[in-house]
Amino acid sequence: RSTLVPCTTLFRSLKQVIKKTPFVIMDCPVPGLPVSTVYTDGYKGIYKITQAFIRQGHKKIAMLVNDLQYQVHQARFKGYTDALKDNNIKIDDALIAEIDVGLEAGYEGAKELLTRETPAAIVTMDDLTAVGVLRYCYEDNISIPHDISVTGFDNIPPARFSTPRLTTIAQPVRKLAEVSIDLLVKKIENGKARNR
């Protein structure tokens, strides 16, 4: 299983440090913690990509789910399930596989999923997992996107070099960093600056 430490656990343990040190958290919303946070809306992104598959006529849409202790992953998973519910598509546990994060996890997750079901599309929570899915499909002679559609999340540079090229939801990493640094500088200059 994943060794990721959930953001909430990590940052709640730093409450005393946060009181004395300017802090901005990037890519991990932590409700109830008195700090500024900057993140993309993973819920909305996964909801939209799942909706796009549904509009293409897909009903059997699978998801490879990473560690649900991590709040970002919870939001992305909820985006997937809500999109299905909003379109009156039953959530099928056979189309959901819990896996670790990364290339090998994506490969093994696709193998596990595709031995029990043949979905029309596979939604993943990150690009490395999606590239692992592409590799498994290539080795098993499953044509992407003719047999199965696959999507990632992040738009990391290696994803642009996959064959076939990966469909993904781009995160504006540069913009996230710029906003985070701007908020941090404001906190450093004015300790009473409002958390956002």
Protein backbone atom coordinates (compact mmCIF):
# COMPACT_ATOMS: atom_id res chain seq x y z
CA ARG A 1 0.00 0.00 0.00
CA SER A 2 0.94 3.62 -0.45
CA THR A 3 3.25 5.36 2.02
CA LEU A 4 1.65 8.76 1.42
CA VAL A 5 0.91 10.60 4.63
CA PRO A 6 -2.57 12.15 4.45
CA CYS A 7 -2.32 15.95 4.36
CA THR A 8 -4.70 16.35 7.28
CA THR A 9 -2.56 14.11 9.51
CA LEU A 10 0.68 15.81 8.54
CA PHE A 11 -0.49 19.39 8.90
CA ARG A 12 -2.54 18.94 12.05
CA SER A 13 0.64 17.67 13.68
CA LEU A 14 2.30 20.97 12.68
CA LYS A 15 -0.33 23.24 14.27
CA GLN A 16 2.13 24.71 16.77
CA VAL A 17 4.70 25.44 14.05
CA ILE A 18 2.04 27.02 11.83
CA LYS A 19 1.16 29.49 14.60
CA LYS A 20 4.72 30.89 14.53
CA THR A 21 5.76 30.36 10.89
CA PRO A 22 4.23 31.70 7.65
CA PHE A 23 2.69 28.72 5.86
CA VAL A 24 0.97 28.11 2.52
CA ILE A 25 -0.13 24.62 1.53
CA MET A 26 -0.16 23.75 -2.17
CA ASP A 27 -2.31 21.03 -3.76
CA CYS A 28 -3.90 19.81 -0.54
CA PRO A 29 -6.95 21.48 1.01
CA VAL A 30 -6.99 21.06 4.79
CA PRO A 31 -10.32 22.26 6.24
CA GLY A 32 -10.11 23.82 9.68
CA LEU A 33 -6.37 24.53 9.55
CA PRO A 34 -5.50 28.25 9.81
CA VAL A 35 -3.36 28.48 6.65
CA SER A 36 -3.77 29.58 3.05
CA THR A 37 -4.18 26.73 0.56
CA VAL A 38 -3.81 26.68 -3.22
CA TYR A 39 -5.12 23.73 -5.20
CA THR A 40 -6.99 22.73 -8.32
CA ASP A 41 -10.53 21.40 -8.18
CA GLY A 42 -9.92 17.68 -8.65
CA TYR A 43 -13.58 16.95 -8.03
CA LYS A 44 -14.64 19.15 -10.93
CA GLY A 45 -11.90 17.84 -13.23
CA ILE A 46 -12.76 14.17 -12.76
CA TYR A 47 -16.48 14.96 -12.87
CA LYS A 48 -16.02 16.68 -16.25
CA ILE A 49 -13.92 13.91 -17.80
CA THR A 50 -16.38 11.25 -16.59
CA GLN A 51 -19.21 13.33 -18.06
CA ALA A 52 -17.30 13.55 -21.35
CA PHE A 53 -17.09 9.73 -21.49
CA ILE A 54 -20.82 9.49 -20.74
CA ARG A 55 -21.59 11.98 -23.55
CA GLN A 56 -19.58 9.72 -25.88
CA GLY A 57 -22.08 6.98 -25.03
CA HIS A 58 -19.94 5.06 -22.52
CA LYS A 59 -21.81 3.44 -19.65
CA LYS A 60 -19.14 1.08 -18.26
CA ILE A 61 -16.62 3.59 -16.95
CA ALA A 62 -13.99 2.19 -14.60
CA MET A 63 -11.75 4.00 -12.13
CA LEU A 64 -8.39 3.14 -10.66
CA VAL A 65 -8.52 4.64 -7.18
CA ASN A 66 -5.42 5.72 -5.25
CA ASP A 67 -5.17 6.00 -1.47
CA LEU A 68 -8.48 7.46 -0.25
CA GLN A 69 -6.91 8.73 2.99
CA TYR A 70 -5.49 11.50 0.81
CA GLN A 71 -8.12 14.25 0.58
CA VAL A 72 -7.26 15.15 -3.02
CA HIS A 73 -8.00 11.54 -4.02
CA GLN A 74 -11.27 11.57 -2.08
CA ALA A 75 -12.41 14.61 -4.07
CA ARG A 76 -11.44 13.03 -7.39
CA PHE A 77 -13.22 9.78 -6.53
CA LYS A 78 -16.34 11.71 -5.52
CA GLY A 79 -16.23 13.55 -8.87
CA TYR A 80 -16.32 10.16 -10.62
CA THR A 81 -19.15 8.70 -8.51
CA ASP A 82 -21.23 11.88 -8.64
CA ALA A 83 -20.96 12.06 -12.43
CA LEU A 84 -22.23 8.49 -12.68
CA LYS A 85 -25.08 9.13 -10.20
CA ASP A 86 -26.09 12.37 -11.95
CA ASN A 87 -26.47 10.38 -15.17
CA ASN A 88 -28.38 7.50 -13.56
CA ILE A 89 -25.49 5.07 -14.03
CA LYS A 90 -25.15 2.52 -11.23
CA ILE A 91 -21.81 2.51 -9.43
CA ASP A 92 -20.38 -0.94 -10.10
CA ASP A 93 -17.72 -2.11 -7.61
CA ALA A 94 -16.34 -4.45 -10.29
CA LEU A 95 -15.33 -1.33 -12.25
CA ILE A 96 -13.36 0.16 -9.34
CA ALA A 97 -9.89 -1.03 -8.35
CA GLU A 98 -7.95 0.37 -5.40
CA ILE A 99 -4.28 0.63 -6.20
CA ASP A 100 -1.08 2.41 -5.19
CA VAL A 101 0.25 5.38 -7.15
CA GLY A 102 2.60 5.08 -10.12
CA LEU A 103 3.47 3.29 -13.34
CA GLU A 104 3.60 -0.24 -11.93
CA ALA A 105 0.42 0.33 -9.92
CA GLY A 106 -1.37 1.46 -13.09
CA TYR A 107 -0.09 -1.58 -14.97
CA GLU A 108 -1.15 -4.01 -12.22
CA GLY A 109 -4.44 -2.17 -11.66
CA ALA A 110 -5.33 -2.44 -15.36
CA LYS A 111 -4.43 -6.12 -15.32
CA GLU A 112 -6.65 -6.74 -12.26
CA LEU A 113 -9.53 -4.69 -13.64
CA LEU A 114 -9.45 -6.06 -17.18
CA THR A 115 -9.39 -9.69 -16.08
CA ARG A 116 -12.82 -9.25 -14.44
CA GLU A 117 -14.48 -6.56 -16.59
CA THR A 118 -14.19 -4.87 -19.98
CA PRO A 119 -14.97 -1.21 -19.43
CA ALA A 120 -15.43 1.29 -22.23
CA ALA A 121 -13.24 3.81 -20.40
CA ILE A 122 -10.79 3.94 -17.50
CA VAL A 123 -10.41 7.07 -15.40
CA THR A 124 -7.26 7.39 -13.31
CA MET A 125 -6.29 9.91 -10.63
CA ASP A 126 -2.87 10.75 -12.06
CA ASP A 127 -0.86 10.51 -15.26
CA LEU A 128 1.74 7.97 -14.09
CA THR A 129 -1.03 5.51 -13.26
CA ALA A 130 -2.63 6.17 -16.65
CA VAL A 131 0.67 5.55 -18.49
CA GLY A 132 0.92 2.21 -16.64
CA VAL A 133 -2.58 1.39 -17.93
CA LEU A 134 -1.50 2.27 -21.49
CA ARG A 135 1.49 -0.06 -21.18
CA TYR A 136 -0.66 -2.97 -19.98
CA CYS A 137 -3.16 -2.40 -22.79
CA TYR A 138 -0.35 -2.29 -25.36
CA GLU A 139 1.07 -5.60 -24.13
CA ASP A 140 -2.40 -7.19 -24.08
CA ASN A 141 -3.25 -5.95 -27.61
CA ILE A 142 -5.99 -3.64 -26.36
CA SER A 143 -6.27 -0.66 -28.67
CA ILE A 144 -6.48 2.81 -27.11
CA PRO A 145 -8.85 4.59 -27.74
CA HIS A 146 -10.63 2.13 -30.08
CA ASP A 147 -11.20 -0.62 -27.51
CA ILE A 148 -10.91 1.42 -24.30
CA SER A 149 -10.54 5.13 -23.57
CA VAL A 150 -8.05 6.10 -20.84
CA THR A 151 -7.52 9.38 -19.05
CA GLY A 152 -5.05 10.74 -16.55
CA PHE A 153 -4.85 13.82 -14.36
CA ASP A 154 -1.97 16.35 -14.11
CA ASN A 155 -0.52 16.63 -17.65
CA ILE A 156 3.01 15.87 -16.50
CA PRO A 157 5.70 16.14 -19.23
CA PRO A 158 6.29 12.34 -19.61
CA ALA A 159 2.58 11.88 -20.45
CA ARG A 160 3.13 13.84 -23.67
CA PHE A 161 5.52 11.13 -24.85
CA SER A 162 3.24 8.14 -24.30
CA THR A 163 2.00 6.17 -27.30
CA PRO A 164 -0.82 6.73 -27.91
CA ARG A 165 -0.70 10.21 -26.46
CA LEU A 166 -2.51 10.35 -23.13
CA THR A 167 -5.75 12.25 -22.70
CA THR A 168 -5.37 14.09 -19.42
CA ILE A 169 -6.64 16.95 -17.31
CA ALA A 170 -3.97 19.62 -17.07
CA GLN A 171 -3.09 21.10 -13.71
CA PRO A 172 -1.72 24.65 -14.00
CA VAL A 173 1.35 23.90 -11.85
CA ARG A 174 3.13 27.18 -12.69
CA LYS A 175 0.01 29.16 -11.73
CA LEU A 176 -0.39 27.15 -8.51
CA ALA A 177 3.23 27.91 -7.61
CA GLU A 178 2.92 31.62 -8.46
CA VAL A 179 -0.21 32.05 -6.35
CA SER A 180 1.34 30.05 -3.48
CA ILE A 181 4.50 32.17 -3.46
CA ASP A 182 2.48 35.38 -3.68
CA LEU A 183 0.38 34.34 -0.66
CA LEU A 184 3.49 33.29 1.26
CA VAL A 185 5.25 36.62 0.62
CA LYS A 186 2.14 38.46 1.85
CA LYS A 187 2.16 36.32 5.00
CA ILE A 188 5.87 37.02 5.57
CA GLU A 189 5.37 40.75 5.09
CA ASN A 190 2.22 40.86 7.21
CA GLY A 191 1.72 38.12 9.80
CA LYS A 192 -1.93 39.14 10.09
CA ALA A 193 -2.66 38.74 6.35
CA ARG A 194 -5.94 36.90 5.82
CA ASN A 195 -5.77 33.19 5.03
CA ARG A 196 -7.28 32.36 1.67
